[in-house]
Amino acid sequence: MTHFFILLPSIAAFAALALAMERHQEEVFGRPLALRTSRWLRVLGWALLLLALRVAVTAQGWGIGLVSMAGHCSLGAALVLGALVMHGRRNLRR
């Protein structure tokens, strides 16, 4: 269950960080978002990563928690990247 509570904010964090980038905004929304919205997405992404780190370290200690956090962040980033690639390819077919 701990893995779920580390992975979920990691995925949400990388999704927010990806959507804070103008390139991904244009791909997903068809236009860039306001600068203020991009900043808030960036802040939200980093806050969620810190939350996931806190959960990992609290549940597993510093030694295992940091390693676990690195693995969950890698998986979260890969899932978000895969979703963006699939979204882009689906839009190319249309």
C-alpha atoms as a PDB file:
ATOM      1  CA  MET A   1       0.000   0.000   0.000  1.00  0.00           C
ATOM      2  CA  THR A   2       2.935   2.302   0.673  1.00  0.00           C
ATOM      3  CA  HIS A   3       4.053   1.915  -2.926  1.00  0.00           C
ATOM      4  CA  PHE A   4       0.690   3.199  -4.123  1.00  0.00           C
ATOM      5  CA  PHE A   5       0.970   6.307  -1.938  1.00  0.00           C
ATOM      6  CA  ILE A   6       4.438   6.998  -3.339  1.00  0.00           C
ATOM      7  CA  LEU A   7       3.642   6.212  -6.970  1.00  0.00           C
ATOM      8  CA  LEU A   8       0.390   8.164  -7.233  1.00  0.00           C
ATOM      9  CA  PRO A   9       1.847  11.571  -6.302  1.00  0.00           C
ATOM     10  CA  SER A  10       4.912  10.795  -8.433  1.00  0.00           C
ATOM     11  CA  ILE A  11       2.762  10.265 -11.517  1.00  0.00           C
ATOM     12  CA  ALA A  12       0.689  13.369 -10.762  1.00  0.00           C
ATOM     13  CA  ALA A  13       3.867  15.379 -10.180  1.00  0.00           C
ATOM     14  CA  PHE A  14       5.417  14.455 -13.494  1.00  0.00           C
ATOM     15  CA  ALA A  15       2.115  15.065 -15.282  1.00  0.00           C
ATOM     16  CA  ALA A  16       1.955  18.554 -13.751  1.00  0.00           C
ATOM     17  CA  LEU A  17       5.599  19.250 -14.604  1.00  0.00           C
ATOM     18  CA  ALA A  18       5.084  18.054 -18.178  1.00  0.00           C
ATOM     19  CA  LEU A  19       1.959  20.196 -18.596  1.00  0.00           C
ATOM     20  CA  ALA A  20       3.895  23.199 -17.303  1.00  0.00           C
ATOM     21  CA  MET A  21       5.959  23.042 -20.511  1.00  0.00           C
ATOM     22  CA  GLU A  22       4.667  25.012 -23.486  1.00  0.00           C
ATOM     23  CA  ARG A  23       5.448  22.189 -25.924  1.00  0.00           C
ATOM     24  CA  HIS A  24       3.222  19.734 -24.092  1.00  0.00           C
ATOM     25  CA  GLN A  25       0.519  22.337 -23.522  1.00  0.00           C
ATOM     26  CA  GLU A  26       0.216  22.896 -27.260  1.00  0.00           C
ATOM     27  CA  GLU A  27       0.166  19.157 -27.887  1.00  0.00           C
ATOM     28  CA  VAL A  28      -2.485  18.393 -25.250  1.00  0.00           C
ATOM     29  CA  PHE A  29      -4.613  21.558 -25.188  1.00  0.00           C
ATOM     30  CA  GLY A  30      -3.889  22.956 -28.640  1.00  0.00           C
ATOM     31  CA  ARG A  31      -2.599  26.229 -27.200  1.00  0.00           C
ATOM     32  CA  PRO A  32      -0.182  27.424 -24.553  1.00  0.00           C
ATOM     33  CA  LEU A  33      -1.601  28.066 -21.098  1.00  0.00           C
ATOM     34  CA  ALA A  34      -1.257  31.335 -19.244  1.00  0.00           C
ATOM     35  CA  LEU A  35       2.107  31.974 -17.601  1.00  0.00           C
ATOM     36  CA  ARG A  36       0.479  31.984 -14.173  1.00  0.00           C
ATOM     37  CA  THR A  37      -1.083  28.569 -14.785  1.00  0.00           C
ATOM     38  CA  SER A  38       2.266  27.175 -15.933  1.00  0.00           C
ATOM     39  CA  ARG A  39       3.926  28.436 -12.769  1.00  0.00           C
ATOM     40  CA  TRP A  40       1.258  26.859 -10.580  1.00  0.00           C
ATOM     41  CA  LEU A  41       1.642  23.555 -12.405  1.00  0.00           C
ATOM     42  CA  ARG A  42       5.386  23.697 -11.778  1.00  0.00           C
ATOM     43  CA  VAL A  43       4.884  24.454  -8.079  1.00  0.00           C
ATOM     44  CA  LEU A  44       2.280  21.691  -7.803  1.00  0.00           C
ATOM     45  CA  GLY A  45       4.613  19.194  -9.473  1.00  0.00           C
ATOM     46  CA  TRP A  46       7.482  19.898  -7.091  1.00  0.00           C
ATOM     47  CA  ALA A  47       5.160  19.885  -4.077  1.00  0.00           C
ATOM     48  CA  LEU A  48       3.834  16.463  -5.085  1.00  0.00           C
ATOM     49  CA  LEU A  49       7.374  15.141  -5.463  1.00  0.00           C
ATOM     50  CA  LEU A  50       8.183  16.385  -1.968  1.00  0.00           C
ATOM     51  CA  LEU A  51       5.011  14.732  -0.678  1.00  0.00           C
ATOM     52  CA  ALA A  52       6.012  11.429  -2.272  1.00  0.00           C
ATOM     53  CA  LEU A  53       9.483  11.776  -0.735  1.00  0.00           C
ATOM     54  CA  ARG A  54       8.000  12.381   2.680  1.00  0.00           C
ATOM     55  CA  VAL A  55       5.759   9.318   2.392  1.00  0.00           C
ATOM     56  CA  ALA A  56       8.682   7.158   1.250  1.00  0.00           C
ATOM     57  CA  VAL A  57      11.049   8.310   3.983  1.00  0.00           C
ATOM     58  CA  THR A  58       8.410   8.139   6.715  1.00  0.00           C
ATOM     59  CA  ALA A  59       7.348   4.617   5.767  1.00  0.00           C
ATOM     60  CA  GLN A  60      10.735   3.118   4.896  1.00  0.00           C
ATOM     61  CA  GLY A  61      13.425   5.284   6.508  1.00  0.00           C
ATOM     62  CA  TRP A  62      16.092   7.316   4.757  1.00  0.00           C
ATOM     63  CA  GLY A  63      18.111   4.398   3.420  1.00  0.00           C
ATOM     64  CA  ILE A  64      15.376   2.448   1.668  1.00  0.00           C
ATOM     65  CA  GLY A  65      13.002   5.409   1.264  1.00  0.00           C
ATOM     66  CA  LEU A  66      15.355   7.361  -1.017  1.00  0.00           C
ATOM     67  CA  VAL A  67      15.987   4.322  -3.191  1.00  0.00           C
ATOM     68  CA  SER A  68      12.276   3.561  -3.307  1.00  0.00           C
ATOM     69  CA  MET A  69      11.534   7.173  -4.187  1.00  0.00           C
ATOM     70  CA  ALA A  70      14.033   7.067  -7.063  1.00  0.00           C
ATOM     71  CA  GLY A  71      12.386   3.946  -8.453  1.00  0.00           C
ATOM     72  CA  HIS A  72       8.873   5.318  -8.132  1.00  0.00           C
ATOM     73  CA  CYS A  73       9.914   8.613  -9.732  1.00  0.00           C
ATOM     74  CA  SER A  74      11.445   6.730 -12.651  1.00  0.00           C
ATOM     75  CA  LEU A  75       8.290   4.694 -13.115  1.00  0.00           C
ATOM     76  CA  GLY A  76       6.049   7.766 -12.776  1.00  0.00           C
ATOM     77  CA  ALA A  77       8.089   9.707 -15.332  1.00  0.00           C
ATOM     78  CA  ALA A  78       8.057   6.761 -17.740  1.00  0.00           C
ATOM     79  CA  LEU A  79       4.274   6.396 -17.448  1.00  0.00           C
ATOM     80  CA  VAL A  80       3.707  10.103 -18.098  1.00  0.00           C
ATOM     81  CA  LEU A  81       6.136  10.052 -21.029  1.00  0.00           C
ATOM     82  CA  GLY A  82       4.381   7.012 -22.457  1.00  0.00           C
ATOM     83  CA  ALA A  83       1.006   8.727 -22.118  1.00  0.00           C
ATOM     84  CA  LEU A  84       2.306  11.834 -23.909  1.00  0.00           C
ATOM     85  CA  VAL A  85       3.779   9.751 -26.724  1.00  0.00           C
ATOM     86  CA  MET A  86       0.548   7.784 -27.143  1.00  0.00           C
ATOM     87  CA  HIS A  87      -1.466  11.016 -27.141  1.00  0.00           C
ATOM     88  CA  GLY A  88       0.793  12.491 -29.807  1.00  0.00           C
ATOM     89  CA  ARG A  89       0.604   9.412 -32.009  1.00  0.00           C
ATOM     90  CA  ARG A  90      -3.167   9.236 -31.671  1.00  0.00           C
ATOM     91  CA  ASN A  91      -3.424  12.861 -32.807  1.00  0.00           C
ATOM     92  CA  LEU A  92      -1.224  12.150 -35.834  1.00  0.00           C
ATOM     93  CA  ARG A  93      -3.675   9.518 -37.050  1.00  0.00           C
ATOM     94  CA  ARG A  94      -6.560  11.986 -37.077  1.00  0.00           C
END
